[in-house]
């Protein structure tokens, strides 16, 4: 039996805790869509992988990292409440995820500007 969306997102955050965003690419389905409020929309695993590689550089350059506060969800939908920790302070946000067969098919981030 494949992982639920909640289990997949828990794995996503375990990987993200190491701050190697490119390692997250394997969790995405081939036709996944990722929507980021700052960097835009990325369609397909290849584009998402390129974005995640860019995130490695951007987050290091900005001295920023993410911390998850709460994860919940079910078989096909999950959400995570998180905080971006920056030199200027903390930014609250959340992610909404859809997953099928243990792969993320859709990921949209929201944050307070």
Protein backbone atom coordinates (compact mmCIF):
# COMPACT_ATOMS: atom_id res chain seq x y z
CA UNK A 1 0.00 0.00 0.00
CA UNK A 2 1.32 3.45 -0.96
CA UNK A 3 1.99 6.15 1.59
CA UNK A 4 -0.83 8.51 2.42
CA UNK A 5 -0.53 12.21 1.59
CA UNK A 6 0.12 12.91 5.27
CA UNK A 7 2.93 10.33 5.42
CA UNK A 8 4.41 11.67 2.18
CA UNK A 9 4.45 15.21 3.56
CA UNK A 10 5.99 14.05 6.81
CA UNK A 11 8.78 12.54 4.68
CA UNK A 12 9.00 15.80 2.70
CA UNK A 13 9.68 17.72 5.91
CA UNK A 14 12.19 15.15 7.21
CA UNK A 15 14.15 15.65 3.99
CA UNK A 16 13.73 19.44 4.05
CA UNK A 17 15.13 19.57 7.59
CA UNK A 18 18.52 18.73 6.02
CA UNK A 19 18.18 21.89 3.85
CA UNK A 20 18.93 20.09 0.59
CA UNK A 21 15.85 21.06 -1.37
CA UNK A 22 16.95 19.19 -4.50
CA UNK A 23 16.56 15.93 -2.54
CA UNK A 24 12.81 16.65 -2.40
CA UNK A 25 12.43 16.19 -6.16
CA UNK A 26 12.09 12.41 -5.88
CA UNK A 27 8.82 12.87 -3.96
CA UNK A 28 7.10 14.57 -6.90
CA UNK A 29 5.06 12.86 -9.62
CA UNK A 30 6.17 13.36 -13.24
CA UNK A 31 3.27 15.74 -13.95
CA UNK A 32 3.23 17.49 -10.56
CA UNK A 33 2.56 21.22 -10.17
CA UNK A 34 4.26 23.39 -7.54
CA UNK A 35 3.05 26.94 -6.84
CA UNK A 36 5.37 29.22 -4.89
CA UNK A 37 4.18 32.75 -3.98
CA UNK A 38 7.61 34.31 -4.68
CA UNK A 39 9.06 32.26 -7.53
CA UNK A 40 5.95 31.25 -9.50
CA UNK A 41 4.47 28.02 -10.81
CA UNK A 42 6.49 24.99 -11.89
CA UNK A 43 4.94 22.22 -13.96
CA UNK A 44 6.48 18.77 -14.17
CA UNK A 45 9.12 16.98 -12.15
CA UNK A 46 12.01 18.37 -14.22
CA UNK A 47 10.95 22.02 -13.69
CA UNK A 48 10.34 21.34 -10.00
CA UNK A 49 13.80 19.79 -9.71
CA UNK A 50 15.37 22.88 -11.28
CA UNK A 51 13.45 25.08 -8.85
CA UNK A 52 14.57 22.98 -5.88
CA UNK A 53 18.19 23.31 -7.00
CA UNK A 54 17.66 27.09 -7.15
CA UNK A 55 16.17 26.95 -3.63
CA UNK A 56 19.43 25.45 -2.33
CA UNK A 57 21.25 28.58 -3.48
CA UNK A 58 18.53 31.10 -2.56
CA UNK A 59 17.93 29.90 0.98
CA UNK A 60 21.66 29.75 1.71
CA UNK A 61 22.23 33.23 0.26
CA UNK A 62 19.30 34.65 2.24
CA UNK A 63 20.31 32.79 5.42
CA UNK A 64 16.76 31.44 5.58
CA UNK A 65 15.36 28.07 6.51
CA UNK A 66 11.93 26.57 7.15
CA UNK A 67 10.60 24.89 10.28
CA UNK A 68 7.43 22.83 10.27
CA UNK A 69 4.99 23.48 13.11
CA UNK A 70 2.21 21.02 12.29
CA UNK A 71 1.29 18.47 9.63
CA UNK A 72 -2.10 16.86 9.17
CA UNK A 73 -4.12 15.25 6.44
CA UNK A 74 -5.38 12.03 5.01
CA UNK A 75 -4.89 9.70 2.08
CA UNK A 76 -4.85 12.22 -0.80
CA UNK A 77 -4.64 15.69 0.78
CA UNK A 78 -2.41 17.09 3.51
CA UNK A 79 -1.30 20.45 4.83
CA UNK A 80 1.62 21.76 6.83
CA UNK A 81 1.85 24.89 8.91
CA UNK A 82 5.41 26.23 8.82
CA UNK A 83 7.56 29.25 9.57
CA UNK A 84 10.37 30.72 7.46
CA UNK A 85 13.17 31.83 9.75
CA UNK A 86 15.05 34.79 8.26
CA UNK A 87 17.62 37.28 9.58
CA UNK A 88 14.79 39.85 9.58
CA UNK A 89 12.38 37.66 11.57
CA UNK A 90 9.86 34.90 11.12
CA UNK A 91 7.26 34.55 8.34
CA UNK A 92 4.26 32.30 8.93
CA UNK A 93 2.98 30.15 6.11
CA UNK A 94 1.31 26.91 5.16
CA UNK A 95 1.45 24.41 2.34
CA UNK A 96 -1.43 22.50 0.79
CA UNK A 97 -0.45 19.19 -0.81
CA UNK A 98 -2.14 16.52 -2.89
CA UNK A 99 -0.51 13.14 -3.27
CA UNK A 100 -1.28 9.88 -5.01
CA UNK A 101 0.59 6.60 -4.65
CA UNK A 102 3.14 8.24 -2.36
CA UNK A 103 4.01 11.02 -4.84
CA UNK A 104 3.16 14.71 -4.57
CA UNK A 105 0.92 15.74 -7.46
CA UNK A 106 0.21 19.30 -6.33
CA UNK A 107 1.87 21.64 -3.83
CA UNK A 108 0.83 25.23 -3.15
CA UNK A 109 2.45 27.46 -0.54
CA UNK A 110 0.76 30.42 1.14
CA UNK A 111 2.40 32.91 3.46
CA UNK A 112 1.83 36.15 5.30
CA UNK A 113 3.89 38.84 3.59
